[in-house]
């Protein structure tokens, strides 16, 4: 009797999981992801994957959006850690400007935590003063 009861509980748990998945996939039909369906379909097709079900395309878009948000958050933490390690005399000079400047180094470290290795050209302009008006640079 006890074995039959545990088997029924497993089936109920599996049924609950299936129902939750079905509800989630149905909710994707009403959801408009940040990443357009056409863009996701393009990259899925480019990788050799084709599926006519828009729910699956939106599921990939949601997963991609989550990945990008996680990487951006980690890069922000890297940026804050880097800027908090600036020596004291430079910090006093920068108190006027509290903007955070995200660099490729910050982004590369964050992506590295997810197994994505980024390399950029040696001539790549990646300094806090890159792109600023020459009169406002503190070199």
C-alpha atoms as a PDB file:
ATOM      1  CA  UNK A   1       0.000   0.000   0.000  1.00  0.00           C
ATOM      2  CA  UNK A   2       2.819   2.404   0.896  1.00  0.00           C
ATOM      3  CA  UNK A   3       4.623   1.755  -2.413  1.00  0.00           C
ATOM      4  CA  UNK A   4       1.454   2.516  -4.319  1.00  0.00           C
ATOM      5  CA  UNK A   5       1.016   5.766  -2.373  1.00  0.00           C
ATOM      6  CA  UNK A   6       4.542   6.989  -3.169  1.00  0.00           C
ATOM      7  CA  UNK A   7       4.069   6.078  -6.850  1.00  0.00           C
ATOM      8  CA  UNK A   8       0.868   8.138  -6.911  1.00  0.00           C
ATOM      9  CA  UNK A   9       2.680  11.085  -5.266  1.00  0.00           C
ATOM     10  CA  UNK A  10       5.382  10.926  -7.953  1.00  0.00           C
ATOM     11  CA  UNK A  11       2.730  10.955 -10.670  1.00  0.00           C
ATOM     12  CA  UNK A  12       0.979  13.889  -8.978  1.00  0.00           C
ATOM     13  CA  UNK A  13       4.281  15.762  -8.769  1.00  0.00           C
ATOM     14  CA  UNK A  14       4.996  15.034 -12.400  1.00  0.00           C
ATOM     15  CA  UNK A  15       1.478  16.169 -13.325  1.00  0.00           C
ATOM     16  CA  UNK A  16       2.018  19.424 -11.398  1.00  0.00           C
ATOM     17  CA  UNK A  17       5.306  19.997 -13.239  1.00  0.00           C
ATOM     18  CA  UNK A  18       3.655  19.293 -16.586  1.00  0.00           C
ATOM     19  CA  UNK A  19       0.788  21.648 -15.754  1.00  0.00           C
ATOM     20  CA  UNK A  20       3.203  24.397 -14.683  1.00  0.00           C
ATOM     21  CA  UNK A  21       5.218  23.969 -17.892  1.00  0.00           C
ATOM     22  CA  UNK A  22       2.049  24.036 -20.002  1.00  0.00           C
ATOM     23  CA  UNK A  23       0.882  27.208 -18.230  1.00  0.00           C
ATOM     24  CA  UNK A  24       4.289  28.834 -18.701  1.00  0.00           C
ATOM     25  CA  UNK A  25       4.417  27.999 -22.403  1.00  0.00           C
ATOM     26  CA  UNK A  26       0.873  29.337 -22.826  1.00  0.00           C
ATOM     27  CA  UNK A  27       1.865  32.574 -21.107  1.00  0.00           C
ATOM     28  CA  UNK A  28       4.659  33.028 -23.663  1.00  0.00           C
ATOM     29  CA  UNK A  29       2.017  33.553 -26.362  1.00  0.00           C
ATOM     30  CA  UNK A  30       0.907  36.770 -24.625  1.00  0.00           C
ATOM     31  CA  UNK A  31       4.427  37.933 -23.721  1.00  0.00           C
ATOM     32  CA  UNK A  32       6.426  40.285 -25.917  1.00  0.00           C
ATOM     33  CA  UNK A  33      10.120  39.758 -25.138  1.00  0.00           C
ATOM     34  CA  UNK A  34      12.699  42.524 -25.341  1.00  0.00           C
ATOM     35  CA  UNK A  35      14.528  40.613 -28.066  1.00  0.00           C
ATOM     36  CA  UNK A  36      12.290  40.499 -31.176  1.00  0.00           C
ATOM     37  CA  UNK A  37      11.103  37.108 -32.446  1.00  0.00           C
ATOM     38  CA  UNK A  38      12.605  37.825 -35.874  1.00  0.00           C
ATOM     39  CA  UNK A  39      16.070  38.322 -34.416  1.00  0.00           C
ATOM     40  CA  UNK A  40      15.869  35.124 -32.387  1.00  0.00           C
ATOM     41  CA  UNK A  41      14.554  33.204 -35.401  1.00  0.00           C
ATOM     42  CA  UNK A  42      17.415  34.563 -37.525  1.00  0.00           C
ATOM     43  CA  UNK A  43      20.102  33.343 -35.131  1.00  0.00           C
ATOM     44  CA  UNK A  44      18.336  30.042 -34.520  1.00  0.00           C
ATOM     45  CA  UNK A  45      18.131  29.476 -38.292  1.00  0.00           C
ATOM     46  CA  UNK A  46      21.760  30.521 -38.681  1.00  0.00           C
ATOM     47  CA  UNK A  47      22.731  27.814 -36.189  1.00  0.00           C
ATOM     48  CA  UNK A  48      20.625  25.258 -38.084  1.00  0.00           C
ATOM     49  CA  UNK A  49      17.602  25.168 -35.786  1.00  0.00           C
ATOM     50  CA  UNK A  50      14.105  25.654 -37.171  1.00  0.00           C
ATOM     51  CA  UNK A  51      10.878  25.414 -35.216  1.00  0.00           C
ATOM     52  CA  UNK A  52       7.515  26.824 -36.254  1.00  0.00           C
ATOM     53  CA  UNK A  53       6.369  27.123 -32.612  1.00  0.00           C
ATOM     54  CA  UNK A  54       6.602  30.794 -31.575  1.00  0.00           C
ATOM     55  CA  UNK A  55       6.535  29.739 -27.903  1.00  0.00           C
ATOM     56  CA  UNK A  56       9.917  28.079 -28.268  1.00  0.00           C
ATOM     57  CA  UNK A  57      11.329  31.146 -30.005  1.00  0.00           C
ATOM     58  CA  UNK A  58      10.102  33.315 -27.137  1.00  0.00           C
ATOM     59  CA  UNK A  59      11.515  30.885 -24.594  1.00  0.00           C
ATOM     60  CA  UNK A  60      14.935  31.296 -26.223  1.00  0.00           C
ATOM     61  CA  UNK A  61      14.422  35.093 -26.207  1.00  0.00           C
ATOM     62  CA  UNK A  62      13.587  35.060 -22.485  1.00  0.00           C
ATOM     63  CA  UNK A  63      16.614  32.877 -21.712  1.00  0.00           C
ATOM     64  CA  UNK A  64      18.836  35.194 -23.771  1.00  0.00           C
ATOM     65  CA  UNK A  65      17.422  38.248 -22.032  1.00  0.00           C
ATOM     66  CA  UNK A  66      18.146  36.638 -18.645  1.00  0.00           C
ATOM     67  CA  UNK A  67      21.709  35.800 -19.717  1.00  0.00           C
ATOM     68  CA  UNK A  68      22.363  39.359 -20.913  1.00  0.00           C
ATOM     69  CA  UNK A  69      20.906  40.806 -17.700  1.00  0.00           C
ATOM     70  CA  UNK A  70      23.100  38.523 -15.579  1.00  0.00           C
ATOM     71  CA  UNK A  71      26.227  39.453 -17.554  1.00  0.00           C
ATOM     72  CA  UNK A  72      25.399  43.172 -17.328  1.00  0.00           C
ATOM     73  CA  UNK A  73      24.867  42.900 -13.564  1.00  0.00           C
ATOM     74  CA  UNK A  74      28.153  41.058 -13.101  1.00  0.00           C
ATOM     75  CA  UNK A  75      29.958  43.608 -15.302  1.00  0.00           C
ATOM     76  CA  UNK A  76      28.507  46.396 -13.154  1.00  0.00           C
ATOM     77  CA  UNK A  77      29.863  44.678 -10.035  1.00  0.00           C
ATOM     78  CA  UNK A  78      33.269  44.378 -11.729  1.00  0.00           C
ATOM     79  CA  UNK A  79      33.134  48.069 -12.635  1.00  0.00           C
ATOM     80  CA  UNK A  80      32.252  49.114  -9.085  1.00  0.00           C
ATOM     81  CA  UNK A  81      34.996  46.909  -7.646  1.00  0.00           C
ATOM     82  CA  UNK A  82      37.553  48.358 -10.075  1.00  0.00           C
ATOM     83  CA  UNK A  83      36.550  51.946  -9.345  1.00  0.00           C
ATOM     84  CA  UNK A  84      36.543  51.391  -5.584  1.00  0.00           C
ATOM     85  CA  UNK A  85      40.146  50.224  -5.787  1.00  0.00           C
ATOM     86  CA  UNK A  86      41.360  53.552  -7.224  1.00  0.00           C
ATOM     87  CA  UNK A  87      43.995  55.105  -5.001  1.00  0.00           C
ATOM     88  CA  UNK A  88      42.827  57.801  -2.568  1.00  0.00           C
ATOM     89  CA  UNK A  89      44.328  60.882  -4.259  1.00  0.00           C
ATOM     90  CA  UNK A  90      42.690  60.061  -7.581  1.00  0.00           C
ATOM     91  CA  UNK A  91      39.400  59.365  -5.812  1.00  0.00           C
ATOM     92  CA  UNK A  92      39.300  62.896  -4.373  1.00  0.00           C
ATOM     93  CA  UNK A  93      39.688  64.294  -7.884  1.00  0.00           C
ATOM     94  CA  UNK A  94      36.872  62.077  -9.187  1.00  0.00           C
ATOM     95  CA  UNK A  95      34.345  62.816  -6.434  1.00  0.00           C
ATOM     96  CA  UNK A  96      32.786  65.450  -8.688  1.00  0.00           C
ATOM     97  CA  UNK A  97      32.007  62.858 -11.354  1.00  0.00           C
ATOM     98  CA  UNK A  98      30.325  59.784  -9.897  1.00  0.00           C
ATOM     99  CA  UNK A  99      29.504  58.173 -13.243  1.00  0.00           C
ATOM    100  CA  UNK A 100      30.383  54.544 -13.622  1.00  0.00           C
ATOM    101  CA  UNK A 101      32.366  53.790 -16.752  1.00  0.00           C
ATOM    102  CA  UNK A 102      31.980  50.219 -17.947  1.00  0.00           C
ATOM    103  CA  UNK A 103      35.051  49.031 -19.821  1.00  0.00           C
ATOM    104  CA  UNK A 104      35.705  46.023 -22.027  1.00  0.00           C
ATOM    105  CA  UNK A 105      37.833  44.673 -19.176  1.00  0.00           C
ATOM    106  CA  UNK A 106      34.781  44.681 -16.894  1.00  0.00           C
ATOM    107  CA  UNK A 107      32.643  43.030 -19.545  1.00  0.00           C
ATOM    108  CA  UNK A 108      35.342  40.476 -20.397  1.00  0.00           C
ATOM    109  CA  UNK A 109      35.680  39.443 -16.736  1.00  0.00           C
ATOM    110  CA  UNK A 110      31.911  39.099 -16.376  1.00  0.00           C
ATOM    111  CA  UNK A 111      31.624  37.030 -19.553  1.00  0.00           C
ATOM    112  CA  UNK A 112      34.580  34.916 -18.439  1.00  0.00           C
ATOM    113  CA  UNK A 113      32.543  33.811 -15.427  1.00  0.00           C
ATOM    114  CA  UNK A 114      30.069  32.294 -17.910  1.00  0.00           C
ATOM    115  CA  UNK A 115      32.729  30.600 -20.025  1.00  0.00           C
ATOM    116  CA  UNK A 116      32.758  33.215 -22.794  1.00  0.00           C
ATOM    117  CA  UNK A 117      36.256  34.427 -23.626  1.00  0.00           C
ATOM    118  CA  UNK A 118      36.448  37.862 -25.231  1.00  0.00           C
ATOM    119  CA  UNK A 119      39.547  39.176 -26.943  1.00  0.00           C
ATOM    120  CA  UNK A 120      39.802  42.602 -28.498  1.00  0.00           C
ATOM    121  CA  UNK A 121      42.362  44.292 -30.685  1.00  0.00           C
ATOM    122  CA  UNK A 122      45.346  45.993 -29.091  1.00  0.00           C
ATOM    123  CA  UNK A 123      44.364  49.316 -30.631  1.00  0.00           C
ATOM    124  CA  UNK A 124      40.870  49.194 -29.129  1.00  0.00           C
ATOM    125  CA  UNK A 125      40.150  52.502 -27.348  1.00  0.00           C
ATOM    126  CA  UNK A 126      39.137  51.444 -23.868  1.00  0.00           C
ATOM    127  CA  UNK A 127      39.902  54.108 -21.355  1.00  0.00           C
ATOM    128  CA  UNK A 128      37.639  56.315 -19.266  1.00  0.00           C
ATOM    129  CA  UNK A 129      38.574  59.319 -21.404  1.00  0.00           C
ATOM    130  CA  UNK A 130      37.935  57.588 -24.756  1.00  0.00           C
ATOM    131  CA  UNK A 131      35.217  59.359 -26.674  1.00  0.00           C
ATOM    132  CA  UNK A 132      35.206  62.439 -24.410  1.00  0.00           C
ATOM    133  CA  UNK A 133      35.763  65.978 -25.560  1.00  0.00           C
ATOM    134  CA  UNK A 134      39.556  66.567 -25.566  1.00  0.00           C
ATOM    135  CA  UNK A 135      39.099  69.688 -23.434  1.00  0.00           C
ATOM    136  CA  UNK A 136      37.487  67.656 -20.639  1.00  0.00           C
ATOM    137  CA  UNK A 137      40.144  64.931 -20.421  1.00  0.00           C
ATOM    138  CA  UNK A 138      42.301  64.674 -17.295  1.00  0.00           C
ATOM    139  CA  UNK A 139      45.336  62.890 -18.780  1.00  0.00           C
END
